Amino acid sequence: MRARRSIDMGADQPLTAIVFAGGLGLGAYHGGAFEAFASLSLPLDWVTGSSAGAITAALVAESPHADRLQNLRSYWHAAGGPSHGPNISRHPFAWLNAINTRLFGQAGFFHPRLPIPASHFGGLYDLGPTRERLRA
């Protein structure tokens, strides 16, 4: 997205912003999209996102310019899931993997919050593993 800076910031200088969408499966996509953006050598003034996109945005914002792509790759690929073998077709594997993620979580990202507290419902999943990975 390109916009114009306000008068206070210096007129006629464009701003560049990136917004990353949420969805845990988009983490790898975010890295590729940011890599394409970085290849344009444009300045980045604003970065934001929701859910998994907010994690990507935080990684970009806190990283030195030269380390951004490597930090994204490190974060999103460090807790990679299992790969399917040659005897399992992609569709059934993806379906079983989705069920497995719903039941057991995703290592390094989240796990089911069990037992679910009766007095205060904070969500089905505990994001503690994500917080710990971001602190590291």
N, C-alpha and C. Protein backbone atom coordinates (compact mmCIF):
# COMPACT_ATOMS: atom_id res chain seq x y z
N MET A 1 0.84 -1.15 0.00
CA MET A 1 0.00 0.00 0.00
C MET A 1 0.90 1.23 0.00
N ARG A 2 0.63 2.15 -0.87
CA ARG A 2 1.40 3.40 -0.94
C ARG A 2 0.48 4.54 -0.55
N ALA A 3 0.93 5.42 0.31
CA ALA A 3 0.17 6.58 0.75
C ALA A 3 1.12 7.76 0.81
N ARG A 4 0.58 8.93 1.02
CA ARG A 4 1.41 10.13 1.14
C ARG A 4 1.62 10.46 2.60
N ARG A 5 2.81 10.91 2.95
CA ARG A 5 3.09 11.36 4.31
C ARG A 5 2.29 12.62 4.59
N SER A 6 1.95 12.81 5.85
CA SER A 6 1.26 14.04 6.24
C SER A 6 2.24 15.20 6.17
N ILE A 7 1.74 16.40 6.24
CA ILE A 7 2.57 17.59 6.17
C ILE A 7 3.64 17.56 7.25
N ASP A 8 3.27 17.07 8.43
CA ASP A 8 4.23 17.01 9.54
C ASP A 8 5.39 16.07 9.25
N MET A 9 5.17 15.07 8.43
CA MET A 9 6.20 14.07 8.17
C MET A 9 7.01 14.38 6.91
N GLY A 10 6.64 15.40 6.19
CA GLY A 10 7.34 15.73 4.95
C GLY A 10 6.46 15.38 3.77
N ALA A 11 5.93 16.37 3.12
CA ALA A 11 4.98 16.17 2.03
C ALA A 11 5.64 15.46 0.85
N ASP A 12 4.83 14.80 0.08
CA ASP A 12 5.21 14.16 -1.18
C ASP A 12 6.20 13.00 -1.05
N GLN A 13 6.39 12.49 0.13
CA GLN A 13 7.19 11.28 0.28
C GLN A 13 6.25 10.12 0.57
N PRO A 14 6.23 9.11 -0.30
CA PRO A 14 5.28 8.01 -0.10
C PRO A 14 5.62 7.15 1.12
N LEU A 15 4.59 6.60 1.73
CA LEU A 15 4.74 5.63 2.81
C LEU A 15 4.51 4.24 2.25
N THR A 16 5.19 3.27 2.79
CA THR A 16 4.99 1.88 2.39
C THR A 16 4.57 1.10 3.61
N ALA A 17 3.46 0.37 3.47
CA ALA A 17 2.93 -0.43 4.57
C ALA A 17 2.66 -1.85 4.09
N ILE A 18 2.86 -2.81 4.99
CA ILE A 18 2.52 -4.21 4.72
C ILE A 18 1.59 -4.66 5.82
N VAL A 19 0.52 -5.37 5.44
CA VAL A 19 -0.43 -5.93 6.39
C VAL A 19 -0.47 -7.44 6.15
N PHE A 20 -0.16 -8.21 7.20
CA PHE A 20 -0.17 -9.67 7.11
C PHE A 20 -1.45 -10.21 7.72
N ALA A 21 -2.13 -11.09 7.02
CA ALA A 21 -3.37 -11.69 7.49
C ALA A 21 -3.09 -12.76 8.54
N GLY A 22 -4.11 -13.11 9.30
CA GLY A 22 -4.00 -14.15 10.30
C GLY A 22 -4.16 -15.53 9.68
N GLY A 23 -3.84 -16.54 10.46
CA GLY A 23 -3.95 -17.92 10.03
C GLY A 23 -2.60 -18.59 10.13
N LEU A 24 -2.49 -19.57 11.01
CA LEU A 24 -1.20 -20.21 11.27
C LEU A 24 -0.57 -20.77 10.00
N GLY A 25 -1.38 -21.30 9.10
CA GLY A 25 -0.85 -21.86 7.86
C GLY A 25 -0.26 -20.82 6.93
N LEU A 26 -0.51 -19.54 7.19
CA LEU A 26 0.01 -18.49 6.32
C LEU A 26 1.43 -18.07 6.68
N GLY A 27 1.99 -18.58 7.76
CA GLY A 27 3.32 -18.17 8.17
C GLY A 27 4.35 -18.31 7.07
N ALA A 28 4.39 -19.44 6.41
CA ALA A 28 5.35 -19.64 5.32
C ALA A 28 5.04 -18.72 4.14
N TYR A 29 3.75 -18.51 3.87
CA TYR A 29 3.35 -17.60 2.80
C TYR A 29 3.83 -16.18 3.11
N HIS A 30 3.69 -15.77 4.37
CA HIS A 30 4.16 -14.44 4.77
C HIS A 30 5.64 -14.27 4.43
N GLY A 31 6.43 -15.29 4.73
CA GLY A 31 7.86 -15.21 4.44
C GLY A 31 8.13 -15.01 2.96
N GLY A 32 7.42 -15.74 2.12
CA GLY A 32 7.60 -15.60 0.67
C GLY A 32 7.13 -14.24 0.17
N ALA A 33 6.00 -13.77 0.71
CA ALA A 33 5.50 -12.45 0.31
C ALA A 33 6.47 -11.37 0.75
N PHE A 34 7.02 -11.49 1.96
CA PHE A 34 7.97 -10.49 2.42
C PHE A 34 9.27 -10.56 1.62
N GLU A 35 9.68 -11.76 1.24
CA GLU A 35 10.88 -11.90 0.41
C GLU A 35 10.70 -11.18 -0.93
N ALA A 36 9.50 -11.33 -1.53
CA ALA A 36 9.22 -10.63 -2.79
C ALA A 36 9.24 -9.12 -2.58
N PHE A 37 8.65 -8.66 -1.48
CA PHE A 37 8.67 -7.24 -1.17
C PHE A 37 10.11 -6.75 -0.99
N ALA A 38 10.90 -7.49 -0.22
CA ALA A 38 12.29 -7.08 0.05
C ALA A 38 13.10 -6.97 -1.24
N SER A 39 12.78 -7.81 -2.22
CA SER A 39 13.53 -7.76 -3.48
C SER A 39 13.29 -6.45 -4.24
N LEU A 40 12.23 -5.73 -3.89
CA LEU A 40 11.94 -4.44 -4.53
C LEU A 40 12.77 -3.30 -3.95
N SER A 41 13.42 -3.54 -2.82
CA SER A 41 14.25 -2.54 -2.13
C SER A 41 13.50 -1.26 -1.81
N LEU A 42 12.23 -1.38 -1.46
CA LEU A 42 11.44 -0.22 -1.03
C LEU A 42 11.62 -0.02 0.47
N PRO A 43 11.50 1.21 0.93
CA PRO A 43 11.52 1.42 2.38
C PRO A 43 10.24 0.86 2.98
N LEU A 44 10.31 0.42 4.21
CA LEU A 44 9.12 -0.09 4.90
C LEU A 44 8.84 0.82 6.08
N ASP A 45 7.71 1.54 6.01
CA ASP A 45 7.36 2.50 7.05
C ASP A 45 6.45 1.89 8.11
N TRP A 46 5.50 1.07 7.70
CA TRP A 46 4.54 0.48 8.62
C TRP A 46 4.42 -1.01 8.33
N VAL A 47 4.28 -1.79 9.39
CA VAL A 47 4.02 -3.22 9.25
C VAL A 47 3.06 -3.62 10.37
N THR A 48 2.05 -4.39 10.01
CA THR A 48 1.06 -4.83 10.99
C THR A 48 0.45 -6.15 10.52
N GLY A 49 -0.32 -6.77 11.39
CA GLY A 49 -0.99 -8.01 11.03
C GLY A 49 -1.90 -8.46 12.15
N SER A 50 -2.66 -9.50 11.87
CA SER A 50 -3.54 -10.08 12.88
C SER A 50 -3.17 -11.53 13.07
N SER A 51 -3.28 -12.00 14.31
CA SER A 51 -3.02 -13.39 14.67
C SER A 51 -1.62 -13.80 14.22
N ALA A 52 -1.50 -14.81 13.38
CA ALA A 52 -0.18 -15.22 12.90
C ALA A 52 0.50 -14.09 12.13
N GLY A 53 -0.29 -13.25 11.48
CA GLY A 53 0.26 -12.10 10.77
C GLY A 53 0.89 -11.09 11.72
N ALA A 54 0.34 -11.00 12.92
CA ALA A 54 0.93 -10.10 13.92
C ALA A 54 2.30 -10.61 14.37
N ILE A 55 2.45 -11.93 14.44
CA ILE A 55 3.75 -12.51 14.78
C ILE A 55 4.75 -12.19 13.67
N THR A 56 4.34 -12.38 12.42
CA THR A 56 5.21 -12.06 11.30
C THR A 56 5.59 -10.58 11.32
N ALA A 57 4.59 -9.72 11.54
CA ALA A 57 4.85 -8.28 11.59
C ALA A 57 5.84 -7.94 12.70
N ALA A 58 5.68 -8.55 13.87
CA ALA A 58 6.59 -8.30 14.98
C ALA A 58 8.01 -8.75 14.65
N LEU A 59 8.14 -9.90 14.00
CA LEU A 59 9.46 -10.39 13.61
C LEU A 59 10.13 -9.45 12.63
N VAL A 60 9.36 -8.92 11.69
CA VAL A 60 9.91 -7.97 10.71
C VAL A 60 10.30 -6.67 11.41
N ALA A 61 9.39 -6.16 12.24
CA ALA A 61 9.62 -4.86 12.88
C ALA A 61 10.81 -4.88 13.84
N GLU A 62 11.01 -5.99 14.54
CA GLU A 62 12.08 -6.01 15.55
C GLU A 62 13.43 -6.43 14.99
N SER A 63 13.46 -6.93 13.77
CA SER A 63 14.71 -7.43 13.20
C SER A 63 15.47 -6.35 12.45
N PRO A 64 16.79 -6.37 12.56
CA PRO A 64 17.59 -5.47 11.70
C PRO A 64 17.28 -5.80 10.24
N HIS A 65 17.34 -4.80 9.40
CA HIS A 65 16.97 -4.94 7.98
C HIS A 65 17.60 -6.18 7.33
N ALA A 66 18.88 -6.39 7.55
CA ALA A 66 19.59 -7.50 6.91
C ALA A 66 19.18 -8.87 7.42
N ASP A 67 18.58 -8.93 8.60
CA ASP A 67 18.23 -10.22 9.21
C ASP A 67 16.76 -10.61 9.08
N ARG A 68 15.95 -9.76 8.51
CA ARG A 68 14.51 -9.99 8.50
C ARG A 68 14.10 -11.31 7.86
N LEU A 69 14.58 -11.58 6.65
CA LEU A 69 14.19 -12.82 5.98
C LEU A 69 14.65 -14.05 6.73
N GLN A 70 15.89 -14.03 7.20
CA GLN A 70 16.40 -15.18 7.95
C GLN A 70 15.61 -15.40 9.23
N ASN A 71 15.26 -14.33 9.93
CA ASN A 71 14.48 -14.47 11.16
C ASN A 71 13.09 -15.03 10.89
N LEU A 72 12.47 -14.60 9.80
CA LEU A 72 11.16 -15.17 9.43
C LEU A 72 11.30 -16.66 9.12
N ARG A 73 12.29 -17.01 8.34
CA ARG A 73 12.49 -18.44 8.01
C ARG A 73 12.75 -19.26 9.26
N SER A 74 13.61 -18.75 10.13
CA SER A 74 13.93 -19.48 11.37
C SER A 74 12.70 -19.71 12.21
N TYR A 75 11.90 -18.68 12.36
CA TYR A 75 10.72 -18.80 13.23
C TYR A 75 9.69 -19.75 12.64
N TRP A 76 9.30 -19.53 11.40
CA TRP A 76 8.20 -20.31 10.84
C TRP A 76 8.58 -21.73 10.46
N HIS A 77 9.86 -22.01 10.25
CA HIS A 77 10.26 -23.37 9.88
C HIS A 77 10.84 -24.17 11.04
N ALA A 78 11.11 -23.54 12.16
CA ALA A 78 11.73 -24.23 13.29
C ALA A 78 10.86 -25.33 13.85
N ALA A 79 9.57 -25.12 13.90
CA ALA A 79 8.65 -26.11 14.48
C ALA A 79 7.88 -26.80 13.37
N GLY A 80 8.56 -27.10 12.29
CA GLY A 80 7.90 -27.69 11.13
C GLY A 80 7.20 -28.99 11.46
N GLY A 81 6.11 -29.21 10.79
CA GLY A 81 5.31 -30.41 11.00
C GLY A 81 5.88 -31.59 10.25
N PRO A 82 5.27 -32.74 10.43
CA PRO A 82 5.75 -33.95 9.75
C PRO A 82 5.47 -33.88 8.25
N SER A 83 6.29 -34.56 7.50
CA SER A 83 6.02 -34.64 6.07
C SER A 83 5.45 -36.03 5.77
N HIS A 84 4.61 -36.09 4.75
CA HIS A 84 3.99 -37.38 4.46
C HIS A 84 4.92 -38.23 3.61
N GLY A 85 4.79 -39.51 3.79
CA GLY A 85 5.62 -40.46 3.07
C GLY A 85 5.08 -40.71 1.67
N PRO A 86 5.78 -41.49 0.88
CA PRO A 86 5.38 -41.73 -0.51
C PRO A 86 4.10 -42.54 -0.64
N ASN A 87 3.67 -43.25 0.41
CA ASN A 87 2.47 -44.10 0.31
C ASN A 87 1.19 -43.38 0.73
N ILE A 88 1.28 -42.14 1.15
CA ILE A 88 0.09 -41.41 1.59
C ILE A 88 -0.13 -40.24 0.63
N SER A 89 -1.32 -40.19 0.03
CA SER A 89 -1.59 -39.08 -0.89
C SER A 89 -1.80 -37.80 -0.10
N ARG A 90 -1.68 -36.68 -0.77
CA ARG A 90 -1.72 -35.38 -0.10
C ARG A 90 -3.06 -35.10 0.58
N HIS A 91 -4.17 -35.37 -0.07
CA HIS A 91 -5.46 -35.00 0.50
C HIS A 91 -5.75 -35.71 1.82
N PRO A 92 -5.66 -37.03 1.88
CA PRO A 92 -5.89 -37.68 3.19
C PRO A 92 -4.88 -37.24 4.24
N PHE A 93 -3.62 -37.05 3.84
CA PHE A 93 -2.62 -36.61 4.79
C PHE A 93 -2.98 -35.23 5.36
N ALA A 94 -3.37 -34.31 4.48
CA ALA A 94 -3.75 -32.96 4.93
C ALA A 94 -4.95 -33.02 5.86
N TRP A 95 -5.92 -33.86 5.53
CA TRP A 95 -7.13 -33.99 6.35
C TRP A 95 -6.76 -34.54 7.73
N LEU A 96 -5.96 -35.59 7.78
CA LEU A 96 -5.54 -36.17 9.06
C LEU A 96 -4.67 -35.20 9.85
N ASN A 97 -3.82 -34.46 9.17
CA ASN A 97 -2.98 -33.48 9.84
C ASN A 97 -3.83 -32.37 10.46
N ALA A 98 -4.88 -31.94 9.77
CA ALA A 98 -5.77 -30.91 10.31
C ALA A 98 -6.48 -31.41 11.57
N ILE A 99 -6.95 -32.64 11.54
CA ILE A 99 -7.61 -33.21 12.72
C ILE A 99 -6.61 -33.33 13.87
N ASN A 100 -5.42 -33.80 13.57
CA ASN A 100 -4.37 -33.94 14.58
C ASN A 100 -4.06 -32.59 15.22
N THR A 101 -3.98 -31.54 14.42
CA THR A 101 -3.69 -30.20 14.94
C THR A 101 -4.81 -29.73 15.85
N ARG A 102 -6.06 -29.97 15.47
CA ARG A 102 -7.20 -29.55 16.30
C ARG A 102 -7.20 -30.27 17.65
N LEU A 103 -6.83 -31.55 17.63
CA LEU A 103 -6.86 -32.34 18.86
C LEU A 103 -5.65 -32.14 19.75
N PHE A 104 -4.46 -32.00 19.15
CA PHE A 104 -3.23 -31.99 19.93
C PHE A 104 -2.44 -30.68 19.84
N GLY A 105 -2.84 -29.76 18.97
CA GLY A 105 -2.13 -28.50 18.81
C GLY A 105 -1.02 -28.61 17.78
N GLN A 106 -0.15 -27.62 17.80
CA GLN A 106 0.99 -27.58 16.89
C GLN A 106 2.23 -27.29 17.72
N ALA A 107 3.16 -28.22 17.74
CA ALA A 107 4.37 -28.08 18.55
C ALA A 107 5.05 -26.74 18.28
N GLY A 108 5.40 -26.04 19.34
CA GLY A 108 6.07 -24.77 19.23
C GLY A 108 5.15 -23.58 19.02
N PHE A 109 3.84 -23.85 18.84
CA PHE A 109 2.89 -22.77 18.60
C PHE A 109 1.76 -22.75 19.63
N PHE A 110 1.06 -23.86 19.80
CA PHE A 110 -0.05 -23.91 20.73
C PHE A 110 -0.37 -25.35 21.08
N HIS A 111 -1.12 -25.53 22.19
CA HIS A 111 -1.62 -26.86 22.55
C HIS A 111 -2.99 -26.67 23.20
N PRO A 112 -3.79 -27.72 23.24
CA PRO A 112 -5.13 -27.60 23.84
C PRO A 112 -5.04 -27.18 25.30
N ARG A 113 -5.97 -26.36 25.72
CA ARG A 113 -6.06 -25.91 27.10
C ARG A 113 -6.97 -26.91 27.82
N LEU A 114 -6.33 -27.85 28.52
CA LEU A 114 -7.09 -28.88 29.22
C LEU A 114 -6.71 -28.93 30.69
N PRO A 115 -7.62 -29.09 31.57
CA PRO A 115 -9.06 -29.04 31.30
C PRO A 115 -9.49 -27.59 31.04
N ILE A 116 -10.57 -27.44 30.31
CA ILE A 116 -11.09 -26.11 30.02
C ILE A 116 -11.67 -25.53 31.31
N PRO A 117 -11.17 -24.37 31.74
CA PRO A 117 -11.66 -23.79 33.00
C PRO A 117 -13.15 -23.44 32.89
N ALA A 118 -13.91 -23.85 33.89
CA ALA A 118 -15.35 -23.59 33.88
C ALA A 118 -15.67 -22.15 34.23
N SER A 119 -14.87 -21.53 35.09
CA SER A 119 -15.19 -20.17 35.55
C SER A 119 -14.73 -19.10 34.57
N HIS A 120 -13.69 -19.35 33.83
CA HIS A 120 -13.17 -18.34 32.91
C HIS A 120 -12.73 -19.02 31.63
N PHE A 121 -13.40 -18.71 30.56
CA PHE A 121 -13.07 -19.35 29.28
C PHE A 121 -12.10 -18.45 28.52
N GLY A 122 -10.85 -18.89 28.41
CA GLY A 122 -9.83 -18.11 27.74
C GLY A 122 -9.50 -18.62 26.36
N GLY A 123 -10.28 -19.53 25.84
CA GLY A 123 -10.01 -20.09 24.52
C GLY A 123 -9.69 -21.57 24.63
N LEU A 124 -9.81 -22.26 23.52
CA LEU A 124 -9.55 -23.70 23.50
C LEU A 124 -8.06 -24.02 23.54
N TYR A 125 -7.23 -23.09 23.08
CA TYR A 125 -5.80 -23.38 22.97
C TYR A 125 -4.96 -22.44 23.82
N ASP A 126 -3.88 -22.97 24.35
CA ASP A 126 -2.91 -22.21 25.12
C ASP A 126 -1.78 -21.80 24.18
N LEU A 127 -1.52 -20.51 24.07
CA LEU A 127 -0.49 -20.00 23.17
C LEU A 127 0.86 -19.83 23.86
N GLY A 128 1.03 -20.46 25.02
CA GLY A 128 2.29 -20.38 25.75
C GLY A 128 3.50 -20.73 24.90
N PRO A 129 3.46 -21.80 24.09
CA PRO A 129 4.63 -22.12 23.27
C PRO A 129 5.00 -20.99 22.30
N THR A 130 4.01 -20.30 21.76
CA THR A 130 4.30 -19.17 20.87
C THR A 130 5.00 -18.06 21.63
N ARG A 131 4.48 -17.74 22.83
CA ARG A 131 5.11 -16.69 23.64
C ARG A 131 6.57 -17.05 23.94
N GLU A 132 6.82 -18.30 24.30
CA GLU A 132 8.18 -18.73 24.63
C GLU A 132 9.11 -18.64 23.42
N ARG A 133 8.63 -19.02 22.25
CA ARG A 133 9.45 -18.94 21.04
C ARG A 133 9.75 -17.50 20.67
N LEU A 134 8.81 -16.61 20.89
CA LEU A 134 9.03 -15.20 20.57
C LEU A 134 10.01 -14.55 21.54
N ARG A 135 10.04 -15.02 22.77
CA ARG A 135 10.98 -14.49 23.77
C ARG A 135 12.41 -14.93 23.50
N ALA A 136 12.56 -16.07 22.85
CA ALA A 136 13.90 -16.64 22.61
C ALA A 136 14.69 -15.83 21.58
